[in-house]
PDB file of all heavy atoms in Angstrom:
ATOM      1  N   ASP A   1       0.837  -1.197   0.000  1.00  0.00           N
ATOM      2  CA  ASP A   1       0.000   0.000   0.000  1.00  0.00           C
ATOM      3  C   ASP A   1       0.875   1.251   0.000  1.00  0.00           C
ATOM      4  O   ASP A   1       0.590   2.220  -0.714  1.00  0.00           O
ATOM      5  CB  ASP A   1      -0.913  -0.027   1.231  1.00  0.00           C
ATOM      6  CG  ASP A   1      -1.838   1.177   1.264  1.00  0.00           C
ATOM      7  OD1 ASP A   1      -2.715   1.279   0.367  1.00  0.00           O
ATOM      8  OD2 ASP A   1      -1.687   2.006   2.165  1.00  0.00           O
ATOM      9  N   ARG A   2       1.997   1.241   0.812  1.00  0.00           N
ATOM     10  CA  ARG A   2       2.901   2.393   0.827  1.00  0.00           C
ATOM     11  C   ARG A   2       3.545   2.592  -0.545  1.00  0.00           C
ATOM     12  O   ARG A   2       3.660   3.728  -1.031  1.00  0.00           O
ATOM     13  CB  ARG A   2       3.988   2.189   1.896  1.00  0.00           C
ATOM     14  CG  ARG A   2       3.477   2.348   3.335  1.00  0.00           C
ATOM     15  CD  ARG A   2       4.656   2.578   4.282  1.00  0.00           C
ATOM     16  NE  ARG A   2       5.621   1.489   4.213  1.00  0.00           N
ATOM     17  CZ  ARG A   2       5.579   0.379   4.949  1.00  0.00           C
ATOM     18  NH1 ARG A   2       4.602   0.219   5.838  1.00  0.00           N
ATOM     19  NH2 ARG A   2       6.511  -0.551   4.829  1.00  0.00           N
ATOM     20  N   ASN A   3       3.930   1.470  -1.180  1.00  0.00           N
ATOM     21  CA  ASN A   3       4.553   1.588  -2.495  1.00  0.00           C
ATOM     22  C   ASN A   3       3.578   2.152  -3.533  1.00  0.00           C
ATOM     23  O   ASN A   3       3.933   2.968  -4.380  1.00  0.00           O
ATOM     24  CB  ASN A   3       5.067   0.223  -2.961  1.00  0.00           C
ATOM     25  CG  ASN A   3       6.255  -0.247  -2.140  1.00  0.00           C
ATOM     26  OD1 ASN A   3       6.966   0.581  -1.533  1.00  0.00           O
ATOM     27  ND2 ASN A   3       6.476  -1.561  -2.096  1.00  0.00           N
ATOM     28  N   VAL A   4       2.346   1.687  -3.449  1.00  0.00           N
ATOM     29  CA  VAL A   4       1.345   2.212  -4.388  1.00  0.00           C
ATOM     30  C   VAL A   4       1.127   3.690  -4.159  1.00  0.00           C
ATOM     31  O   VAL A   4       1.029   4.481  -5.112  1.00  0.00           O
ATOM     32  CB  VAL A   4       0.027   1.422  -4.249  1.00  0.00           C
ATOM     33  CG1 VAL A   4      -1.092   2.102  -5.029  1.00  0.00           C
ATOM     34  CG2 VAL A   4       0.201  -0.013  -4.733  1.00  0.00           C
ATOM     35  N   ARG A   5       1.060   4.112  -2.894  1.00  0.00           N
ATOM     36  CA  ARG A   5       0.887   5.531  -2.597  1.00  0.00           C
ATOM     37  C   ARG A   5       2.075   6.333  -3.102  1.00  0.00           C
ATOM     38  O   ARG A   5       1.915   7.457  -3.623  1.00  0.00           O
ATOM     39  CB  ARG A   5       0.687   5.742  -1.098  1.00  0.00           C
ATOM     40  CG  ARG A   5      -0.621   5.160  -0.561  1.00  0.00           C
ATOM     41  CD  ARG A   5      -0.741   5.400   0.937  1.00  0.00           C
ATOM     42  NE  ARG A   5      -1.961   4.791   1.462  1.00  0.00           N
ATOM     43  CZ  ARG A   5      -3.158   5.372   1.416  1.00  0.00           C
ATOM     44  NH1 ARG A   5      -3.266   6.586   0.876  1.00  0.00           N
ATOM     45  NH2 ARG A   5      -4.225   4.760   1.905  1.00  0.00           N
ATOM     46  N   ARG A   6       3.288   5.745  -2.933  1.00  0.00           N
ATOM     47  CA  ARG A   6       4.489   6.420  -3.415  1.00  0.00           C
ATOM     48  C   ARG A   6       4.444   6.574  -4.939  1.00  0.00           C
ATOM     49  O   ARG A   6       4.800   7.617  -5.495  1.00  0.00           O
ATOM     50  CB  ARG A   6       5.729   5.618  -2.984  1.00  0.00           C
ATOM     51  CG  ARG A   6       7.042   6.374  -3.188  1.00  0.00           C
ATOM     52  CD  ARG A   6       8.221   5.558  -2.673  1.00  0.00           C
ATOM     53  NE  ARG A   6       8.122   5.338  -1.232  1.00  0.00           N
ATOM     54  CZ  ARG A   6       7.980   4.167  -0.665  1.00  0.00           C
ATOM     55  NH1 ARG A   6       7.917   3.064  -1.415  1.00  0.00           N
ATOM     56  NH2 ARG A   6       7.908   4.050   0.645  1.00  0.00           N
ATOM     57  N   LEU A   7       3.973   5.524  -5.596  1.00  0.00           N
ATOM     58  CA  LEU A   7       3.848   5.596  -7.055  1.00  0.00           C
ATOM     59  C   LEU A   7       2.806   6.626  -7.455  1.00  0.00           C
ATOM     60  O   LEU A   7       2.991   7.381  -8.422  1.00  0.00           O
ATOM     61  CB  LEU A   7       3.449   4.220  -7.604  1.00  0.00           C
ATOM     62  CG  LEU A   7       3.256   4.121  -9.130  1.00  0.00           C
ATOM     63  CD1 LEU A   7       4.528   4.529  -9.851  1.00  0.00           C
ATOM     64  CD2 LEU A   7       2.849   2.703  -9.519  1.00  0.00           C
ATOM     65  N   GLU A   8       1.736   6.703  -6.734  1.00  0.00           N
ATOM     66  CA  GLU A   8       0.727   7.709  -7.015  1.00  0.00           C
ATOM     67  C   GLU A   8       1.299   9.112  -6.895  1.00  0.00           C
ATOM     68  O   GLU A   8       1.026   9.988  -7.736  1.00  0.00           O
ATOM     69  CB  GLU A   8      -0.469   7.543  -6.077  1.00  0.00           C
ATOM     70  CG  GLU A   8      -1.305   6.305  -6.338  1.00  0.00           C
ATOM     71  CD  GLU A   8      -2.445   6.176  -5.341  1.00  0.00           C
ATOM     72  OE1 GLU A   8      -2.440   6.934  -4.331  1.00  0.00           O
ATOM     73  OE2 GLU A   8      -3.331   5.320  -5.559  1.00  0.00           O
ATOM     74  N   ARG A   9       2.099   9.370  -5.816  1.00  0.00           N
ATOM     75  CA  ARG A   9       2.686  10.689  -5.653  1.00  0.00           C
ATOM     76  C   ARG A   9       3.646  11.006  -6.787  1.00  0.00           C
ATOM     77  O   ARG A   9       3.688  12.142  -7.292  1.00  0.00           O
ATOM     78  CB  ARG A   9       3.418  10.759  -4.296  1.00  0.00           C
ATOM     79  CG  ARG A   9       2.478  10.809  -3.091  1.00  0.00           C
ATOM     80  CD  ARG A   9       3.219  11.233  -1.833  1.00  0.00           C
ATOM     81  NE  ARG A   9       4.244  10.247  -1.468  1.00  0.00           N
ATOM     82  CZ  ARG A   9       4.001   9.201  -0.672  1.00  0.00           C
ATOM     83  NH1 ARG A   9       2.762   9.001  -0.176  1.00  0.00           N
ATOM     84  NH2 ARG A   9       4.962   8.353  -0.385  1.00  0.00           N
ATOM     85  N   ALA A  10       4.411   9.981  -7.221  1.00  0.00           N
ATOM     86  CA  ALA A  10       5.348  10.202  -8.334  1.00  0.00           C
ATOM     87  C   ALA A  10       4.606  10.550  -9.619  1.00  0.00           C
ATOM     88  O   ALA A  10       4.999  11.451 -10.362  1.00  0.00           O
ATOM     89  CB  ALA A  10       6.213   8.952  -8.536  1.00  0.00           C
ATOM     90  N   LEU A  11       3.528   9.835  -9.861  1.00  0.00           N
ATOM     91  CA  LEU A  11       2.753  10.130 -11.057  1.00  0.00           C
ATOM     92  C   LEU A  11       2.133  11.520 -10.988  1.00  0.00           C
ATOM     93  O   LEU A  11       2.087  12.250 -11.981  1.00  0.00           O
ATOM     94  CB  LEU A  11       1.659   9.076 -11.231  1.00  0.00           C
ATOM     95  CG  LEU A  11       2.138   7.664 -11.566  1.00  0.00           C
ATOM     96  CD1 LEU A  11       0.951   6.713 -11.624  1.00  0.00           C
ATOM     97  CD2 LEU A  11       2.895   7.650 -12.890  1.00  0.00           C
ATOM     98  N   THR A  12       1.676  11.883  -9.771  1.00  0.00           N
ATOM     99  CA  THR A  12       1.086  13.214  -9.601  1.00  0.00           C
ATOM    100  C   THR A  12       2.117  14.300  -9.847  1.00  0.00           C
ATOM    101  O   THR A  12       1.846  15.324 -10.475  1.00  0.00           O
ATOM    102  CB  THR A  12       0.493  13.344  -8.196  1.00  0.00           C
ATOM    103  OG1 THR A  12      -0.491  12.323  -7.993  1.00  0.00           O
ATOM    104  CG2 THR A  12      -0.161  14.699  -7.992  1.00  0.00           C
ATOM    105  N   GLN A  13       3.333  14.102  -9.340  1.00  0.00           N
ATOM    106  CA  GLN A  13       4.397  15.086  -9.545  1.00  0.00           C
ATOM    107  C   GLN A  13       4.745  15.228 -11.030  1.00  0.00           C
ATOM    108  O   GLN A  13       4.939  16.337 -11.534  1.00  0.00           O
ATOM    109  CB  GLN A  13       5.637  14.686  -8.733  1.00  0.00           C
ATOM    110  CG  GLN A  13       5.431  14.793  -7.229  1.00  0.00           C
ATOM    111  CD  GLN A  13       6.592  14.212  -6.445  1.00  0.00           C
ATOM    112  OE1 GLN A  13       7.571  13.733  -7.041  1.00  0.00           O
ATOM    113  NE2 GLN A  13       6.489  14.251  -5.122  1.00  0.00           N
ATOM    114  N   ARG A  14       4.826  14.098 -11.740  1.00  0.00           N
ATOM    115  CA  ARG A  14       5.140  14.180 -13.169  1.00  0.00           C
ATOM    116  C   ARG A  14       4.014  14.885 -13.941  1.00  0.00           C
ATOM    117  O   ARG A  14       4.276  15.653 -14.873  1.00  0.00           O
ATOM    118  CB  ARG A  14       5.361  12.787 -13.737  1.00  0.00           C
ATOM    119  CG  ARG A  14       6.702  12.184 -13.319  1.00  0.00           C
ATOM    120  CD  ARG A  14       6.918  10.847 -14.001  1.00  0.00           C
ATOM    121  NE  ARG A  14       8.223  10.295 -13.672  1.00  0.00           N
ATOM    122  CZ  ARG A  14       9.356  10.595 -14.305  1.00  0.00           C
ATOM    123  NH1 ARG A  14       9.303  11.458 -15.310  1.00  0.00           N
ATOM    124  NH2 ARG A  14      10.495  10.068 -13.956  1.00  0.00           N
ATOM    125  N   ASN A  15       2.810  14.602 -13.560  1.00  0.00           N
ATOM    126  CA  ASN A  15       1.697  15.286 -14.218  1.00  0.00           C
ATOM    127  C   ASN A  15       1.767  16.784 -13.974  1.00  0.00           C
ATOM    128  O   ASN A  15       1.541  17.590 -14.884  1.00  0.00           O
ATOM    129  CB  ASN A  15       0.360  14.752 -13.717  1.00  0.00           C
ATOM    130  CG  ASN A  15       0.077  13.349 -14.242  1.00  0.00           C
ATOM    131  OD1 ASN A  15       0.584  12.969 -15.284  1.00  0.00           O
ATOM    132  ND2 ASN A  15      -0.718  12.597 -13.498  1.00  0.00           N
ATOM    133  N   ALA A  16       2.070  17.169 -12.716  1.00  0.00           N
ATOM    134  CA  ALA A  16       2.153  18.586 -12.385  1.00  0.00           C
ATOM    135  C   ALA A  16       3.325  19.255 -13.100  1.00  0.00           C
ATOM    136  O   ALA A  16       3.260  20.442 -13.436  1.00  0.00           O
ATOM    137  CB  ALA A  16       2.293  18.759 -10.873  1.00  0.00           C
ATOM    138  N   ALA A  17       4.387  18.502 -13.380  1.00  0.00           N
ATOM    139  CA  ALA A  17       5.569  19.060 -14.059  1.00  0.00           C
ATOM    140  C   ALA A  17       5.395  19.104 -15.567  1.00  0.00           C
ATOM    141  O   ALA A  17       6.324  19.486 -16.285  1.00  0.00           O
ATOM    142  CB  ALA A  17       6.801  18.238 -13.685  1.00  0.00           C
ATOM    143  N   GLY A  18       4.251  18.707 -16.059  1.00  0.00           N
ATOM    144  CA  GLY A  18       4.024  18.725 -17.507  1.00  0.00           C
ATOM    145  C   GLY A  18       4.610  17.543 -18.227  1.00  0.00           C
ATOM    146  O   GLY A  18       4.771  17.581 -19.458  1.00  0.00           O
ATOM    147  N   ASP A  19       4.926  16.499 -17.525  1.00  0.00           N
ATOM    148  CA  ASP A  19       5.499  15.292 -18.140  1.00  0.00           C
ATOM    149  C   ASP A  19       4.616  14.106 -17.739  1.00  0.00           C
ATOM    150  O   ASP A  19       5.010  13.256 -16.950  1.00  0.00           O
ATOM    151  CB  ASP A  19       6.922  15.108 -17.641  1.00  0.00           C
ATOM    152  CG  ASP A  19       7.647  14.031 -18.439  1.00  0.00           C
ATOM    153  OD1 ASP A  19       7.134  13.662 -19.530  1.00  0.00           O
ATOM    154  OD2 ASP A  19       8.706  13.554 -17.988  1.00  0.00           O
ATOM    155  N   PRO A  20       3.368  14.053 -18.310  1.00  0.00           N
ATOM    156  CA  PRO A  20       2.401  13.052 -17.820  1.00  0.00           C
ATOM    157  C   PRO A  20       2.758  11.634 -18.228  1.00  0.00           C
ATOM    158  O   PRO A  20       3.418  11.392 -19.226  1.00  0.00           O
ATOM    159  CB  PRO A  20       1.093  13.497 -18.485  1.00  0.00           C
ATOM    160  CG  PRO A  20       1.532  14.165 -19.747  1.00  0.00           C
ATOM    161  CD  PRO A  20       2.822  14.866 -19.405  1.00  0.00           C
ATOM    162  N   VAL A  21       2.279  10.717 -17.409  1.00  0.00           N
ATOM    163  CA  VAL A  21       2.391   9.293 -17.710  1.00  0.00           C
ATOM    164  C   VAL A  21       1.066   8.842 -18.327  1.00  0.00           C
ATOM    165  O   VAL A  21       0.010   9.058 -17.744  1.00  0.00           O
ATOM    166  CB  VAL A  21       2.686   8.483 -16.439  1.00  0.00           C
ATOM    167  CG1 VAL A  21       2.707   6.987 -16.752  1.00  0.00           C
ATOM    168  CG2 VAL A  21       4.023   8.925 -15.856  1.00  0.00           C
ATOM    169  N   ILE A  22       1.138   8.273 -19.500  1.00  0.00           N
ATOM    170  CA  ILE A  22      -0.058   7.893 -20.249  1.00  0.00           C
ATOM    171  C   ILE A  22      -0.140   6.371 -20.332  1.00  0.00           C
ATOM    172  O   ILE A  22       0.846   5.709 -20.647  1.00  0.00           O
ATOM    173  CB  ILE A  22      -0.041   8.500 -21.666  1.00  0.00           C
ATOM    174  CG1 ILE A  22       0.115  10.018 -21.586  1.00  0.00           C
ATOM    175  CG2 ILE A  22      -1.315   8.141 -22.403  1.00  0.00           C
ATOM    176  CD1 ILE A  22      -0.950  10.703 -20.784  1.00  0.00           C
ATOM    177  N   ILE A  23      -1.303   5.846 -20.042  1.00  0.00           N
ATOM    178  CA  ILE A  23      -1.560   4.415 -20.221  1.00  0.00           C
ATOM    179  C   ILE A  23      -2.343   4.248 -21.503  1.00  0.00           C
ATOM    180  O   ILE A  23      -3.456   4.743 -21.637  1.00  0.00           O
ATOM    181  CB  ILE A  23      -2.356   3.839 -19.032  1.00  0.00           C
ATOM    182  CG1 ILE A  23      -1.576   4.029 -17.741  1.00  0.00           C
ATOM    183  CG2 ILE A  23      -2.680   2.369 -19.270  1.00  0.00           C
ATOM    184  CD1 ILE A  23      -2.321   3.559 -16.512  1.00  0.00           C
ATOM    185  N   GLU A  24      -1.739   3.614 -22.485  1.00  0.00           N
ATOM    186  CA  GLU A  24      -2.379   3.438 -23.785  1.00  0.00           C
ATOM    187  C   GLU A  24      -3.498   2.396 -23.694  1.00  0.00           C
ATOM    188  O   GLU A  24      -3.343   1.377 -23.050  1.00  0.00           O
ATOM    189  CB  GLU A  24      -1.362   3.009 -24.841  1.00  0.00           C
ATOM    190  CG  GLU A  24      -0.345   4.088 -25.166  1.00  0.00           C
ATOM    191  CD  GLU A  24       0.579   3.648 -26.277  1.00  0.00           C
ATOM    192  OE1 GLU A  24       0.582   2.439 -26.595  1.00  0.00           O
ATOM    193  OE2 GLU A  24       1.276   4.500 -26.840  1.00  0.00           O
ATOM    194  N   ALA A  25      -4.602   2.700 -24.391  1.00  0.00           N
ATOM    195  CA  ALA A  25      -5.696   1.732 -24.462  1.00  0.00           C
ATOM    196  C   ALA A  25      -5.328   0.596 -25.406  1.00  0.00           C
ATOM    197  O   ALA A  25      -4.648   0.794 -26.410  1.00  0.00           O
ATOM    198  CB  ALA A  25      -6.956   2.427 -24.952  1.00  0.00           C
ATOM    199  N   ASP A  26      -5.800  -0.601 -25.092  1.00  0.00           N
ATOM    200  CA  ASP A  26      -5.544  -1.757 -25.943  1.00  0.00           C
ATOM    201  C   ASP A  26      -6.319  -1.601 -27.251  1.00  0.00           C
ATOM    202  O   ASP A  26      -7.544  -1.431 -27.241  1.00  0.00           O
ATOM    203  CB  ASP A  26      -6.010  -3.017 -25.206  1.00  0.00           C
ATOM    204  CG  ASP A  26      -5.549  -4.280 -25.926  1.00  0.00           C
ATOM    205  OD1 ASP A  26      -5.241  -4.187 -27.135  1.00  0.00           O
ATOM    206  OD2 ASP A  26      -5.522  -5.333 -25.270  1.00  0.00           O
ATOM    207  N   PRO A  27      -5.641  -1.648 -28.406  1.00  0.00           N
ATOM    208  CA  PRO A  27      -6.367  -1.499 -29.684  1.00  0.00           C
ATOM    209  C   PRO A  27      -7.482  -2.519 -29.855  1.00  0.00           C
ATOM    210  O   PRO A  27      -8.520  -2.208 -30.426  1.00  0.00           O
ATOM    211  CB  PRO A  27      -5.257  -1.684 -30.739  1.00  0.00           C
ATOM    212  CG  PRO A  27      -3.994  -1.339 -30.022  1.00  0.00           C
ATOM    213  CD  PRO A  27      -4.192  -1.790 -28.614  1.00  0.00           C
ATOM    214  N   GLU A  28      -7.252  -3.736 -29.384  1.00  0.00           N
ATOM    215  CA  GLU A  28      -8.301  -4.744 -29.512  1.00  0.00           C
ATOM    216  C   GLU A  28      -9.531  -4.375 -28.688  1.00  0.00           C
ATOM    217  O   GLU A  28     -10.667  -4.585 -29.110  1.00  0.00           O
ATOM    218  CB  GLU A  28      -7.766  -6.106 -29.083  1.00  0.00           C
ATOM    219  CG  GLU A  28      -6.679  -6.655 -30.000  1.00  0.00           C
ATOM    220  CD  GLU A  28      -6.240  -8.037 -29.576  1.00  0.00           C
ATOM    221  OE1 GLU A  28      -6.785  -8.525 -28.571  1.00  0.00           O
ATOM    222  OE2 GLU A  28      -5.384  -8.625 -30.257  1.00  0.00           O
ATOM    223  N   VAL A  29      -9.286  -3.794 -27.496  1.00  0.00           N
ATOM    224  CA  VAL A  29     -10.409  -3.365 -26.658  1.00  0.00           C
ATOM    225  C   VAL A  29     -11.165  -2.222 -27.324  1.00  0.00           C
ATOM    226  O   VAL A  29     -12.394  -2.176 -27.339  1.00  0.00           O
ATOM    227  CB  VAL A  29      -9.913  -2.947 -25.262  1.00  0.00           C
ATOM    228  CG1 VAL A  29     -11.067  -2.367 -24.430  1.00  0.00           C
ATOM    229  CG2 VAL A  29      -9.306  -4.148 -24.543  1.00  0.00           C
ATOM    230  N   VAL A  30     -10.395  -1.283 -27.918  1.00  0.00           N
ATOM    231  CA  VAL A  30     -11.032  -0.163 -28.612  1.00  0.00           C
ATOM    232  C   VAL A  30     -11.891  -0.662 -29.762  1.00  0.00           C
ATOM    233  O   VAL A  30     -13.037  -0.237 -29.971  1.00  0.00           O
ATOM    234  CB  VAL A  30      -9.965   0.822 -29.121  1.00  0.00           C
ATOM    235  CG1 VAL A  30     -10.619   1.908 -29.975  1.00  0.00           C
ATOM    236  CG2 VAL A  30      -9.229   1.457 -27.942  1.00  0.00           C
ATOM    237  N   ALA A  31     -11.312  -1.613 -30.553  1.00  0.00           N
ATOM    238  CA  ALA A  31     -12.067  -2.164 -31.682  1.00  0.00           C
ATOM    239  C   ALA A  31     -13.316  -2.902 -31.185  1.00  0.00           C
ATOM    240  O   ALA A  31     -14.398  -2.804 -31.778  1.00  0.00           O
ATOM    241  CB  ALA A  31     -11.174  -3.105 -32.497  1.00  0.00           C
ATOM    242  N   LEU A  32     -13.162  -3.640 -30.087  1.00  0.00           N
ATOM    243  CA  LEU A  32     -14.299  -4.367 -29.534  1.00  0.00           C
ATOM    244  C   LEU A  32     -15.383  -3.417 -29.052  1.00  0.00           C
ATOM    245  O   LEU A  32     -16.575  -3.647 -29.267  1.00  0.00           O
ATOM    246  CB  LEU A  32     -13.834  -5.266 -28.385  1.00  0.00           C
ATOM    247  CG  LEU A  32     -14.915  -6.121 -27.711  1.00  0.00           C
ATOM    248  CD1 LEU A  32     -15.567  -7.037 -28.731  1.00  0.00           C
ATOM    249  CD2 LEU A  32     -14.325  -6.911 -26.562  1.00  0.00           C
TER     250      LEU A  32
END
């Protein structure tokens, strides 16, 4: 849980710095 929270804070900081982390959608899911 601490590691996940730490990862969340890191992602939040990158987003705030203008360097967002993007999770790409699966093309097969999009097609479906």
